[in-house]
């Protein structure tokens, strides 16, 4: 990560691409968006800790209700999110109790991957 130090504000500034949080907000576009991009964002955001809708003033509505495909994908993604909620909770509790990672490394389960 490349961080620039601004001596006038005494704040470390990150490039714009690195300012997006891993937990949200999601689906904030500068202007209007299309059905495909909105659909992909909803599918991704369903597995982030915070899942919400946000639009900017003056843009078309970007909610899942606007397109039938996006509404359907949203329902499917949210159902998957809630079906996995108990498992995610158990992984978090075990990680806290036993000082482990909530998500084990992929090579642990993939014998075809080489350890580099």
PDB file of N, CA and C in Angstrom:
ATOM      1  N   UNK A   1       0.848  -1.170   0.000  1.00  0.00           N
ATOM      2  CA  UNK A   1       0.000   0.000   0.000  1.00  0.00           C
ATOM      3  C   UNK A   1       0.890   1.228   0.000  1.00  0.00           C
ATOM      4  N   UNK A   2       0.668   2.130  -0.921  1.00  0.00           N
ATOM      5  CA  UNK A   2       1.456   3.356  -0.976  1.00  0.00           C
ATOM      6  C   UNK A   2       0.727   4.451  -0.209  1.00  0.00           C
ATOM      7  N   UNK A   3       1.376   4.971   0.803  1.00  0.00           N
ATOM      8  CA  UNK A   3       0.779   6.000   1.646  1.00  0.00           C
ATOM      9  C   UNK A   3       1.600   7.273   1.516  1.00  0.00           C
ATOM     10  N   UNK A   4       0.909   8.384   1.284  1.00  0.00           N
ATOM     11  CA  UNK A   4       1.575   9.686   1.195  1.00  0.00           C
ATOM     12  C   UNK A   4       1.298  10.462   2.474  1.00  0.00           C
ATOM     13  N   UNK A   5       2.309  11.149   2.959  1.00  0.00           N
ATOM     14  CA  UNK A   5       2.148  11.955   4.158  1.00  0.00           C
ATOM     15  C   UNK A   5       2.005  13.412   3.751  1.00  0.00           C
ATOM     16  N   UNK A   6       0.950  14.052   4.214  1.00  0.00           N
ATOM     17  CA  UNK A   6       0.710  15.463   3.918  1.00  0.00           C
ATOM     18  C   UNK A   6       1.130  16.280   5.145  1.00  0.00           C
ATOM     19  N   UNK A   7       2.242  17.039   5.060  1.00  0.00           N
ATOM     20  CA  UNK A   7       2.731  17.770   6.234  1.00  0.00           C
ATOM     21  C   UNK A   7       1.792  18.885   6.681  1.00  0.00           C
ATOM     22  N   UNK A   8       0.911  19.360   5.794  1.00  0.00           N
ATOM     23  CA  UNK A   8       0.006  20.458   6.158  1.00  0.00           C
ATOM     24  C   UNK A   8      -1.154  19.975   7.024  1.00  0.00           C
ATOM     25  N   UNK A   9      -1.610  18.775   6.787  1.00  0.00           N
ATOM     26  CA  UNK A   9      -2.736  18.267   7.568  1.00  0.00           C
ATOM     27  C   UNK A   9      -2.311  17.214   8.582  1.00  0.00           C
ATOM     28  N   UNK A  10      -1.059  16.781   8.508  1.00  0.00           N
ATOM     29  CA  UNK A  10      -0.532  15.741   9.392  1.00  0.00           C
ATOM     30  C   UNK A  10      -1.367  14.461   9.305  1.00  0.00           C
ATOM     31  N   UNK A  11      -1.834  14.171   8.110  1.00  0.00           N
ATOM     32  CA  UNK A  11      -2.663  12.993   7.884  1.00  0.00           C
ATOM     33  C   UNK A  11      -2.040  12.157   6.782  1.00  0.00           C
ATOM     34  N   UNK A  12      -2.020  10.873   6.979  1.00  0.00           N
ATOM     35  CA  UNK A  12      -1.567   9.985   5.913  1.00  0.00           C
ATOM     36  C   UNK A  12      -2.709   9.826   4.914  1.00  0.00           C
ATOM     37  N   UNK A  13      -2.408  10.043   3.642  1.00  0.00           N
ATOM     38  CA  UNK A  13      -3.440   9.956   2.618  1.00  0.00           C
ATOM     39  C   UNK A  13      -3.198   8.741   1.740  1.00  0.00           C
ATOM     40  N   UNK A  14      -4.237   7.970   1.540  1.00  0.00           N
ATOM     41  CA  UNK A  14      -4.149   6.799   0.678  1.00  0.00           C
ATOM     42  C   UNK A  14      -4.722   7.136  -0.692  1.00  0.00           C
ATOM     43  N   UNK A  15      -4.251   6.448  -1.728  1.00  0.00           N
ATOM     44  CA  UNK A  15      -4.842   6.641  -3.050  1.00  0.00           C
ATOM     45  C   UNK A  15      -6.325   6.286  -3.033  1.00  0.00           C
ATOM     46  N   UNK A  16      -7.090   6.861  -3.954  1.00  0.00           N
ATOM     47  CA  UNK A  16      -8.543   6.675  -3.980  1.00  0.00           C
ATOM     48  C   UNK A  16      -8.947   5.210  -4.078  1.00  0.00           C
ATOM     49  N   UNK A  17      -8.189   4.403  -4.804  1.00  0.00           N
ATOM     50  CA  UNK A  17      -8.539   2.993  -4.968  1.00  0.00           C
ATOM     51  C   UNK A  17      -8.441   2.228  -3.656  1.00  0.00           C
ATOM     52  N   UNK A  18      -7.670   2.731  -2.712  1.00  0.00           N
ATOM     53  CA  UNK A  18      -7.489   2.031  -1.445  1.00  0.00           C
ATOM     54  C   UNK A  18      -8.399   2.565  -0.348  1.00  0.00           C
ATOM     55  N   UNK A  19      -9.218   3.557  -0.651  1.00  0.00           N
ATOM     56  CA  UNK A  19     -10.066   4.153   0.375  1.00  0.00           C
ATOM     57  C   UNK A  19     -11.349   3.370   0.623  1.00  0.00           C
ATOM     58  N   UNK A  20     -11.709   2.467  -0.266  1.00  0.00           N
ATOM     59  CA  UNK A  20     -12.927   1.684  -0.081  1.00  0.00           C
ATOM     60  C   UNK A  20     -12.731   0.718   1.079  1.00  0.00           C
ATOM     61  N   UNK A  21     -13.617   0.773   2.019  1.00  0.00           N
ATOM     62  CA  UNK A  21     -13.534  -0.091   3.184  1.00  0.00           C
ATOM     63  C   UNK A  21     -13.899  -1.523   2.819  1.00  0.00           C
ATOM     64  N   UNK A  22     -13.357  -2.474   3.562  1.00  0.00           N
ATOM     65  CA  UNK A  22     -13.698  -3.869   3.323  1.00  0.00           C
ATOM     66  C   UNK A  22     -15.063  -4.214   3.896  1.00  0.00           C
ATOM     67  N   UNK A  23     -15.590  -3.380   4.757  1.00  0.00           N
ATOM     68  CA  UNK A  23     -16.866  -3.682   5.386  1.00  0.00           C
ATOM     69  C   UNK A  23     -18.011  -2.873   4.822  1.00  0.00           C
ATOM     70  N   UNK A  24     -17.779  -1.919   4.015  1.00  0.00           N
ATOM     71  CA  UNK A  24     -18.830  -1.086   3.436  1.00  0.00           C
ATOM     72  C   UNK A  24     -18.392   0.350   3.487  1.00  0.00           C
ATOM     73  N   UNK A  25     -19.108   1.256   2.996  1.00  0.00           N
ATOM     74  CA  UNK A  25     -20.341   1.082   2.251  1.00  0.00           C
ATOM     75  C   UNK A  25     -20.090   0.499   0.874  1.00  0.00           C
ATOM     76  N   UNK A  26     -21.087  -0.001   0.254  1.00  0.00           N
ATOM     77  CA  UNK A  26     -20.938  -0.610  -1.061  1.00  0.00           C
ATOM     78  C   UNK A  26     -21.863   0.094  -2.030  1.00  0.00           C
ATOM     79  N   UNK A  27     -21.617  -0.109  -3.291  1.00  0.00           N
ATOM     80  CA  UNK A  27     -22.463   0.376  -4.370  1.00  0.00           C
ATOM     81  C   UNK A  27     -22.648   1.890  -4.342  1.00  0.00           C
ATOM     82  N   UNK A  28     -21.599   2.630  -4.131  1.00  0.00           N
ATOM     83  CA  UNK A  28     -21.669   4.081  -4.251  1.00  0.00           C
ATOM     84  C   UNK A  28     -20.986   4.477  -5.545  1.00  0.00           C
ATOM     85  N   UNK A  29     -21.759   4.933  -6.511  1.00  0.00           N
ATOM     86  CA  UNK A  29     -21.231   5.307  -7.809  1.00  0.00           C
ATOM     87  C   UNK A  29     -21.357   6.807  -7.992  1.00  0.00           C
ATOM     88  N   UNK A  30     -20.467   7.384  -8.757  1.00  0.00           N
ATOM     89  CA  UNK A  30     -20.586   8.792  -9.120  1.00  0.00           C
ATOM     90  C   UNK A  30     -21.423   8.877 -10.382  1.00  0.00           C
ATOM     91  N   UNK A  31     -22.712   8.904 -10.224  1.00  0.00           N
ATOM     92  CA  UNK A  31     -23.613   8.963 -11.370  1.00  0.00           C
ATOM     93  C   UNK A  31     -24.469   7.719 -11.453  1.00  0.00           C
ATOM     94  N   UNK A  32     -24.977   7.465 -12.646  1.00  0.00           N
ATOM     95  CA  UNK A  32     -25.872   6.334 -12.862  1.00  0.00           C
ATOM     96  C   UNK A  32     -25.085   5.050 -13.104  1.00  0.00           C
ATOM     97  N   UNK A  33     -25.720   3.953 -12.824  1.00  0.00           N
ATOM     98  CA  UNK A  33     -25.102   2.647 -13.046  1.00  0.00           C
ATOM     99  C   UNK A  33     -26.023   1.787 -13.895  1.00  0.00           C
ATOM    100  N   UNK A  34     -25.489   0.697 -14.389  1.00  0.00           N
ATOM    101  CA  UNK A  34     -26.283  -0.221 -15.192  1.00  0.00           C
ATOM    102  C   UNK A  34     -26.711  -1.434 -14.392  1.00  0.00           C
ATOM    103  N   UNK A  35     -27.550  -2.233 -15.003  1.00  0.00           N
ATOM    104  CA  UNK A  35     -28.093  -3.418 -14.344  1.00  0.00           C
ATOM    105  C   UNK A  35     -27.006  -4.424 -13.970  1.00  0.00           C
ATOM    106  N   UNK A  36     -26.083  -4.696 -14.879  1.00  0.00           N
ATOM    107  CA  UNK A  36     -25.055  -5.716 -14.645  1.00  0.00           C
ATOM    108  C   UNK A  36     -24.139  -5.346 -13.473  1.00  0.00           C
ATOM    109  N   UNK A  37     -23.682  -4.094 -13.427  1.00  0.00           N
ATOM    110  CA  UNK A  37     -22.796  -3.672 -12.343  1.00  0.00           C
ATOM    111  C   UNK A  37     -23.518  -3.700 -11.002  1.00  0.00           C
ATOM    112  N   UNK A  38     -24.741  -3.227 -10.991  1.00  0.00           N
ATOM    113  CA  UNK A  38     -25.529  -3.234  -9.759  1.00  0.00           C
ATOM    114  C   UNK A  38     -25.746  -4.672  -9.273  1.00  0.00           C
ATOM    115  N   UNK A  39     -26.014  -5.563 -10.213  1.00  0.00           N
ATOM    116  CA  UNK A  39     -26.219  -6.973  -9.889  1.00  0.00           C
ATOM    117  C   UNK A  39     -24.971  -7.577  -9.248  1.00  0.00           C
ATOM    118  N   UNK A  40     -23.820  -7.323  -9.829  1.00  0.00           N
ATOM    119  CA  UNK A  40     -22.569  -7.880  -9.286  1.00  0.00           C
ATOM    120  C   UNK A  40     -22.240  -7.302  -7.917  1.00  0.00           C
ATOM    121  N   UNK A  41     -22.495  -6.008  -7.733  1.00  0.00           N
ATOM    122  CA  UNK A  41     -22.229  -5.391  -6.443  1.00  0.00           C
ATOM    123  C   UNK A  41     -23.099  -6.009  -5.353  1.00  0.00           C
ATOM    124  N   UNK A  42     -24.359  -6.255  -5.672  1.00  0.00           N
ATOM    125  CA  UNK A  42     -25.257  -6.838  -4.671  1.00  0.00           C
ATOM    126  C   UNK A  42     -24.804  -8.247  -4.306  1.00  0.00           C
ATOM    127  N   UNK A  43     -24.397  -9.018  -5.307  1.00  0.00           N
ATOM    128  CA  UNK A  43     -23.933 -10.372  -5.028  1.00  0.00           C
ATOM    129  C   UNK A  43     -22.678 -10.365  -4.156  1.00  0.00           C
ATOM    130  N   UNK A  44     -21.784  -9.432  -4.377  1.00  0.00           N
ATOM    131  CA  UNK A  44     -20.581  -9.317  -3.557  1.00  0.00           C
ATOM    132  C   UNK A  44     -20.914  -8.807  -2.159  1.00  0.00           C
ATOM    133  N   UNK A  45     -21.732  -7.769  -2.092  1.00  0.00           N
ATOM    134  CA  UNK A  45     -22.020  -7.117  -0.818  1.00  0.00           C
ATOM    135  C   UNK A  45     -22.784  -8.014   0.148  1.00  0.00           C
ATOM    136  N   UNK A  46     -23.485  -8.996  -0.361  1.00  0.00           N
ATOM    137  CA  UNK A  46     -24.232  -9.898   0.520  1.00  0.00           C
ATOM    138  C   UNK A  46     -23.309 -10.627   1.490  1.00  0.00           C
ATOM    139  N   UNK A  47     -22.035 -10.714   1.168  1.00  0.00           N
ATOM    140  CA  UNK A  47     -21.097 -11.432   2.032  1.00  0.00           C
ATOM    141  C   UNK A  47     -20.159 -10.495   2.786  1.00  0.00           C
ATOM    142  N   UNK A  48     -20.440  -9.206   2.749  1.00  0.00           N
ATOM    143  CA  UNK A  48     -19.709  -8.228   3.545  1.00  0.00           C
ATOM    144  C   UNK A  48     -20.453  -8.039   4.868  1.00  0.00           C
ATOM    145  N   UNK A  49     -19.775  -7.600   5.918  1.00  0.00           N
ATOM    146  CA  UNK A  49     -20.453  -7.430   7.207  1.00  0.00           C
ATOM    147  C   UNK A  49     -21.633  -6.462   7.175  1.00  0.00           C
ATOM    148  N   UNK A  50     -21.528  -5.376   6.412  1.00  0.00           N
ATOM    149  CA  UNK A  50     -22.627  -4.421   6.328  1.00  0.00           C
ATOM    150  C   UNK A  50     -23.201  -4.460   4.928  1.00  0.00           C
ATOM    151  N   UNK A  51     -24.498  -4.642   4.832  1.00  0.00           N
ATOM    152  CA  UNK A  51     -25.171  -4.794   3.551  1.00  0.00           C
ATOM    153  C   UNK A  51     -26.274  -3.749   3.495  1.00  0.00           C
ATOM    154  N   UNK A  52     -26.061  -2.680   2.732  1.00  0.00           N
ATOM    155  CA  UNK A  52     -27.049  -1.605   2.689  1.00  0.00           C
ATOM    156  C   UNK A  52     -27.128  -1.009   1.294  1.00  0.00           C
ATOM    157  N   UNK A  53     -28.101  -0.145   1.094  1.00  0.00           N
ATOM    158  CA  UNK A  53     -28.350   0.503  -0.189  1.00  0.00           C
ATOM    159  C   UNK A  53     -27.991   1.980  -0.064  1.00  0.00           C
ATOM    160  N   UNK A  54     -27.300   2.514  -1.054  1.00  0.00           N
ATOM    161  CA  UNK A  54     -27.006   3.945  -1.038  1.00  0.00           C
ATOM    162  C   UNK A  54     -26.992   4.486  -2.459  1.00  0.00           C
ATOM    163  N   UNK A  55     -27.570   5.655  -2.637  1.00  0.00           N
ATOM    164  CA  UNK A  55     -27.593   6.355  -3.921  1.00  0.00           C
ATOM    165  C   UNK A  55     -27.023   7.748  -3.709  1.00  0.00           C
ATOM    166  N   UNK A  56     -26.570   8.359  -4.795  1.00  0.00           N
ATOM    167  CA  UNK A  56     -26.160   9.752  -4.698  1.00  0.00           C
ATOM    168  C   UNK A  56     -27.295  10.618  -5.217  1.00  0.00           C
ATOM    169  N   UNK A  57     -27.334  11.841  -4.767  1.00  0.00           N
ATOM    170  CA  UNK A  57     -28.394  12.759  -5.168  1.00  0.00           C
ATOM    171  C   UNK A  57     -28.306  13.049  -6.664  1.00  0.00           C
ATOM    172  N   UNK A  58     -29.438  12.977  -7.336  1.00  0.00           N
ATOM    173  CA  UNK A  58     -29.491  13.285  -8.756  1.00  0.00           C
ATOM    174  C   UNK A  58     -29.309  12.087  -9.665  1.00  0.00           C
ATOM    175  N   UNK A  59     -28.979  10.917  -9.120  1.00  0.00           N
ATOM    176  CA  UNK A  59     -28.797   9.716  -9.939  1.00  0.00           C
ATOM    177  C   UNK A  59     -30.090   8.904  -9.947  1.00  0.00           C
ATOM    178  N   UNK A  60     -30.200   8.017 -10.920  1.00  0.00           N
ATOM    179  CA  UNK A  60     -31.358   7.131 -10.946  1.00  0.00           C
ATOM    180  C   UNK A  60     -31.303   6.203  -9.737  1.00  0.00           C
ATOM    181  N   UNK A  61     -32.447   5.676  -9.353  1.00  0.00           N
ATOM    182  CA  UNK A  61     -32.482   4.736  -8.244  1.00  0.00           C
ATOM    183  C   UNK A  61     -31.647   3.512  -8.594  1.00  0.00           C
ATOM    184  N   UNK A  62     -30.810   3.085  -7.665  1.00  0.00           N
ATOM    185  CA  UNK A  62     -29.933   1.950  -7.905  1.00  0.00           C
ATOM    186  C   UNK A  62     -30.307   0.766  -7.024  1.00  0.00           C
ATOM    187  N   UNK A  63     -31.510   0.796  -6.503  1.00  0.00           N
ATOM    188  CA  UNK A  63     -31.950  -0.285  -5.635  1.00  0.00           C
ATOM    189  C   UNK A  63     -32.234  -1.559  -6.401  1.00  0.00           C
ATOM    190  N   UNK A  64     -32.253  -2.674  -5.688  1.00  0.00           N
ATOM    191  CA  UNK A  64     -32.494  -3.956  -6.344  1.00  0.00           C
ATOM    192  C   UNK A  64     -33.877  -4.051  -6.977  1.00  0.00           C
ATOM    193  N   UNK A  65     -34.809  -3.215  -6.538  1.00  0.00           N
ATOM    194  CA  UNK A  65     -36.167  -3.258  -7.077  1.00  0.00           C
ATOM    195  C   UNK A  65     -36.260  -2.708  -8.502  1.00  0.00           C
ATOM    196  N   UNK A  66     -35.237  -2.011  -8.947  1.00  0.00           N
ATOM    197  CA  UNK A  66     -35.290  -1.345 -10.257  1.00  0.00           C
ATOM    198  C   UNK A  66     -35.279  -2.340 -11.418  1.00  0.00           C
ATOM    199  N   UNK A  67     -34.538  -3.443 -11.292  1.00  0.00           N
ATOM    200  CA  UNK A  67     -34.427  -4.443 -12.357  1.00  0.00           C
ATOM    201  C   UNK A  67     -34.842  -5.798 -11.798  1.00  0.00           C
ATOM    202  N   UNK A  68     -35.572  -6.574 -12.580  1.00  0.00           N
ATOM    203  CA  UNK A  68     -36.025  -7.898 -12.127  1.00  0.00           C
ATOM    204  C   UNK A  68     -34.859  -8.846 -11.868  1.00  0.00           C
ATOM    205  N   UNK A  69     -33.853  -8.835 -12.749  1.00  0.00           N
ATOM    206  CA  UNK A  69     -32.690  -9.714 -12.558  1.00  0.00           C
ATOM    207  C   UNK A  69     -31.944  -9.380 -11.270  1.00  0.00           C
ATOM    208  N   UNK A  70     -31.806  -8.092 -10.984  1.00  0.00           N
ATOM    209  CA  UNK A  70     -31.091  -7.659  -9.778  1.00  0.00           C
ATOM    210  C   UNK A  70     -31.892  -8.034  -8.533  1.00  0.00           C
ATOM    211  N   UNK A  71     -33.209  -7.885  -8.604  1.00  0.00           N
ATOM    212  CA  UNK A  71     -34.055  -8.256  -7.466  1.00  0.00           C
ATOM    213  C   UNK A  71     -33.951  -9.755  -7.184  1.00  0.00           C
ATOM    214  N   UNK A  72     -33.955 -10.553  -8.236  1.00  0.00           N
ATOM    215  CA  UNK A  72     -33.838 -12.005  -8.080  1.00  0.00           C
ATOM    216  C   UNK A  72     -32.469 -12.391  -7.512  1.00  0.00           C
ATOM    217  N   UNK A  73     -31.410 -11.801  -8.054  1.00  0.00           N
ATOM    218  CA  UNK A  73     -30.055 -12.082  -7.558  1.00  0.00           C
ATOM    219  C   UNK A  73     -29.904 -11.626  -6.113  1.00  0.00           C
ATOM    220  N   UNK A  74     -30.547 -10.513  -5.777  1.00  0.00           N
ATOM    221  CA  UNK A  74     -30.491 -10.001  -4.414  1.00  0.00           C
ATOM    222  C   UNK A  74     -31.151 -10.982  -3.446  1.00  0.00           C
ATOM    223  N   UNK A  75     -32.314 -11.498  -3.817  1.00  0.00           N
ATOM    224  CA  UNK A  75     -32.992 -12.479  -2.964  1.00  0.00           C
ATOM    225  C   UNK A  75     -32.131 -13.732  -2.764  1.00  0.00           C
ATOM    226  N   UNK A  76     -31.526 -14.206  -3.850  1.00  0.00           N
ATOM    227  CA  UNK A  76     -30.681 -15.403  -3.774  1.00  0.00           C
ATOM    228  C   UNK A  76     -29.460 -15.156  -2.893  1.00  0.00           C
ATOM    229  N   UNK A  77     -28.820 -13.999  -3.071  1.00  0.00           N
ATOM    230  CA  UNK A  77     -27.617 -13.670  -2.296  1.00  0.00           C
ATOM    231  C   UNK A  77     -27.931 -13.495  -0.819  1.00  0.00           C
ATOM    232  N   UNK A  78     -29.045 -12.840  -0.521  1.00  0.00           N
ATOM    233  CA  UNK A  78     -29.422 -12.631   0.879  1.00  0.00           C
ATOM    234  C   UNK A  78     -29.785 -13.965   1.537  1.00  0.00           C
ATOM    235  N   UNK A  79     -30.459 -14.844   0.792  1.00  0.00           N
ATOM    236  CA  UNK A  79     -30.775 -16.174   1.332  1.00  0.00           C
ATOM    237  C   UNK A  79     -29.491 -16.943   1.636  1.00  0.00           C
ATOM    238  N   UNK A  80     -28.506 -16.855   0.748  1.00  0.00           N
ATOM    239  CA  UNK A  80     -27.219 -17.524   0.987  1.00  0.00           C
ATOM    240  C   UNK A  80     -26.523 -16.919   2.198  1.00  0.00           C
ATOM    241  N   UNK A  81     -26.591 -15.597   2.329  1.00  0.00           N
ATOM    242  CA  UNK A  81     -25.966 -14.912   3.469  1.00  0.00           C
ATOM    243  C   UNK A  81     -26.543 -15.436   4.784  1.00  0.00           C
ATOM    244  N   UNK A  82     -27.874 -15.482   4.875  1.00  0.00           N
ATOM    245  CA  UNK A  82     -28.494 -15.907   6.118  1.00  0.00           C
ATOM    246  C   UNK A  82     -28.361 -17.404   6.361  1.00  0.00           C
ATOM    247  N   UNK A  83     -28.236 -18.198   5.301  1.00  0.00           N
ATOM    248  CA  UNK A  83     -28.032 -19.633   5.512  1.00  0.00           C
ATOM    249  C   UNK A  83     -26.636 -19.912   6.077  1.00  0.00           C
ATOM    250  N   UNK A  84     -25.678 -19.025   5.807  1.00  0.00           N
ATOM    251  CA  UNK A  84     -24.305 -19.196   6.292  1.00  0.00           C
ATOM    252  C   UNK A  84     -24.028 -18.445   7.596  1.00  0.00           C
ATOM    253  N   UNK A  85     -25.003 -17.680   8.065  1.00  0.00           N
ATOM    254  CA  UNK A  85     -24.794 -16.833   9.234  1.00  0.00           C
ATOM    255  C   UNK A  85     -24.390 -17.634  10.471  1.00  0.00           C
ATOM    256  N   UNK A  86     -25.043 -18.751  10.717  1.00  0.00           N
ATOM    257  CA  UNK A  86     -24.713 -19.566  11.891  1.00  0.00           C
ATOM    258  C   UNK A  86     -23.279 -20.087  11.796  1.00  0.00           C
ATOM    259  N   UNK A  87     -22.884 -20.545  10.606  1.00  0.00           N
ATOM    260  CA  UNK A  87     -21.519 -21.050  10.431  1.00  0.00           C
ATOM    261  C   UNK A  87     -20.495 -19.946  10.652  1.00  0.00           C
ATOM    262  N   UNK A  88     -20.765 -18.750  10.133  1.00  0.00           N
ATOM    263  CA  UNK A  88     -19.836 -17.629  10.316  1.00  0.00           C
ATOM    264  C   UNK A  88     -19.722 -17.263  11.793  1.00  0.00           C
ATOM    265  N   UNK A  89     -20.837 -17.321  12.504  1.00  0.00           N
ATOM    266  CA  UNK A  89     -20.824 -17.022  13.929  1.00  0.00           C
ATOM    267  C   UNK A  89     -19.968 -18.041  14.682  1.00  0.00           C
ATOM    268  N   UNK A  90     -20.148 -19.311  14.380  1.00  0.00           N
ATOM    269  CA  UNK A  90     -19.377 -20.368  15.044  1.00  0.00           C
ATOM    270  C   UNK A  90     -17.887 -20.212  14.745  1.00  0.00           C
ATOM    271  N   UNK A  91     -17.544 -19.909  13.492  1.00  0.00           N
ATOM    272  CA  UNK A  91     -16.133 -19.697  13.145  1.00  0.00           C
ATOM    273  C   UNK A  91     -15.545 -18.529  13.933  1.00  0.00           C
ATOM    274  N   UNK A  92     -16.322 -17.461  14.096  1.00  0.00           N
ATOM    275  CA  UNK A  92     -15.838 -16.295  14.846  1.00  0.00           C
ATOM    276  C   UNK A  92     -15.658 -16.617  16.324  1.00  0.00           C
ATOM    277  N   UNK A  93     -16.591 -17.337  16.891  1.00  0.00           N
ATOM    278  CA  UNK A  93     -16.484 -17.713  18.304  1.00  0.00           C
ATOM    279  C   UNK A  93     -15.271 -18.611  18.521  1.00  0.00           C
ATOM    280  N   UNK A  94     -15.102 -19.613  17.663  1.00  0.00           N
ATOM    281  CA  UNK A  94     -13.946 -20.506  17.797  1.00  0.00           C
ATOM    282  C   UNK A  94     -12.631 -19.754  17.616  1.00  0.00           C
ATOM    283  N   UNK A  95     -12.599 -18.810  16.699  1.00  0.00           N
ATOM    284  CA  UNK A  95     -11.387 -18.011  16.502  1.00  0.00           C
ATOM    285  C   UNK A  95     -11.073 -17.209  17.753  1.00  0.00           C
ATOM    286  N   UNK A  96     -12.107 -16.701  18.401  1.00  0.00           N
ATOM    287  CA  UNK A  96     -11.910 -15.929  19.620  1.00  0.00           C
ATOM    288  C   UNK A  96     -11.461 -16.816  20.785  1.00  0.00           C
ATOM    289  N   UNK A  97     -12.067 -17.969  20.912  1.00  0.00           N
ATOM    290  CA  UNK A  97     -11.748 -18.859  22.031  1.00  0.00           C
ATOM    291  C   UNK A  97     -10.390 -19.532  21.895  1.00  0.00           C
ATOM    292  N   UNK A  98     -10.044 -19.931  20.676  1.00  0.00           N
ATOM    293  CA  UNK A  98      -8.840 -20.732  20.472  1.00  0.00           C
ATOM    294  C   UNK A  98      -7.721 -19.978  19.765  1.00  0.00           C
ATOM    295  N   UNK A  99      -7.894 -18.678  19.609  1.00  0.00           N
ATOM    296  CA  UNK A  99      -6.868 -17.821  19.004  1.00  0.00           C
ATOM    297  C   UNK A  99      -6.415 -18.352  17.636  1.00  0.00           C
ATOM    298  N   UNK A 100      -7.393 -18.599  16.787  1.00  0.00           N
ATOM    299  CA  UNK A 100      -7.121 -19.065  15.429  1.00  0.00           C
ATOM    300  C   UNK A 100      -7.771 -18.115  14.432  1.00  0.00           C
ATOM    301  N   UNK A 101      -7.577 -18.381  13.180  1.00  0.00           N
ATOM    302  CA  UNK A 101      -8.203 -17.580  12.133  1.00  0.00           C
ATOM    303  C   UNK A 101      -9.632 -18.063  11.905  1.00  0.00           C
ATOM    304  N   UNK A 102     -10.587 -17.137  11.706  1.00  0.00           N
ATOM    305  CA  UNK A 102     -11.959 -17.579  11.446  1.00  0.00           C
ATOM    306  C   UNK A 102     -12.085 -18.342  10.123  1.00  0.00           C
ATOM    307  N   UNK A 103     -11.223 -18.035   9.177  1.00  0.00           N
ATOM    308  CA  UNK A 103     -11.243 -18.721   7.885  1.00  0.00           C
ATOM    309  C   UNK A 103      -9.873 -19.349   7.673  1.00  0.00           C
ATOM    310  N   UNK A 104      -9.799 -20.670   7.656  1.00  0.00           N
ATOM    311  CA  UNK A 104      -8.505 -21.333   7.479  1.00  0.00           C
ATOM    312  C   UNK A 104      -7.904 -21.043   6.110  1.00  0.00           C
ATOM    313  N   UNK A 105      -6.596 -21.106   5.985  1.00  0.00           N
ATOM    314  CA  UNK A 105      -5.954 -20.874   4.691  1.00  0.00           C
ATOM    315  C   UNK A 105      -6.391 -21.917   3.658  1.00  0.00           C
ATOM    316  N   UNK A 106      -6.559 -21.487   2.425  1.00  0.00           N
ATOM    317  CA  UNK A 106      -7.007 -22.380   1.353  1.00  0.00           C
ATOM    318  C   UNK A 106      -6.072 -23.569   1.146  1.00  0.00           C
ATOM    319  N   UNK A 107      -4.741 -23.406   1.191  1.00  0.00           N
ATOM    320  CA  UNK A 107      -3.867 -24.572   0.971  1.00  0.00           C
ATOM    321  C   UNK A 107      -4.108 -25.712   1.958  1.00  0.00           C
ATOM    322  N   UNK A 108      -4.692 -25.395   3.098  1.00  0.00           N
ATOM    323  CA  UNK A 108      -4.993 -26.430   4.075  1.00  0.00           C
ATOM    324  C   UNK A 108      -5.995 -27.442   3.519  1.00  0.00           C
ATOM    325  N   UNK A 109      -6.894 -26.962   2.653  1.00  0.00           N
ATOM    326  CA  UNK A 109      -7.936 -27.816   2.096  1.00  0.00           C
ATOM    327  C   UNK A 109      -7.706 -28.185   0.642  1.00  0.00           C
ATOM    328  N   UNK A 110      -6.702 -27.632   0.025  1.00  0.00           N
ATOM    329  CA  UNK A 110      -6.453 -27.872  -1.389  1.00  0.00           C
ATOM    330  C   UNK A 110      -5.115 -28.574  -1.576  1.00  0.00           C
ATOM    331  N   UNK A 111      -5.130 -29.885  -1.730  1.00  0.00           N
ATOM    332  CA  UNK A 111      -3.868 -30.614  -1.872  1.00  0.00           C
ATOM    333  C   UNK A 111      -3.146 -30.329  -3.184  1.00  0.00           C
ATOM    334  N   UNK A 112      -3.853 -29.763  -4.167  1.00  0.00           N
ATOM    335  CA  UNK A 112      -3.212 -29.497  -5.458  1.00  0.00           C
ATOM    336  C   UNK A 112      -2.414 -28.207  -5.466  1.00  0.00           C
ATOM    337  N   UNK A 113      -2.622 -27.350  -4.473  1.00  0.00           N
ATOM    338  CA  UNK A 113      -1.873 -26.091  -4.428  1.00  0.00           C
ATOM    339  C   UNK A 113      -0.479 -26.336  -3.879  1.00  0.00           C
ATOM    340  N   UNK A 114       0.493 -25.726  -4.494  1.00  0.00           N
ATOM    341  CA  UNK A 114       1.873 -25.831  -4.024  1.00  0.00           C
ATOM    342  C   UNK A 114       2.131 -24.784  -2.956  1.00  0.00           C
ATOM    343  N   UNK A 115       2.833 -25.160  -1.923  1.00  0.00           N
ATOM    344  CA  UNK A 115       3.243 -24.179  -0.918  1.00  0.00           C
ATOM    345  C   UNK A 115       4.479 -23.476  -1.430  1.00  0.00           C
ATOM    346  N   UNK A 116       4.362 -22.205  -1.692  1.00  0.00           N
ATOM    347  CA  UNK A 116       5.483 -21.438  -2.258  1.00  0.00           C
ATOM    348  C   UNK A 116       6.174 -20.641  -1.199  1.00  0.00           C
TER     349      UNK A 116
END
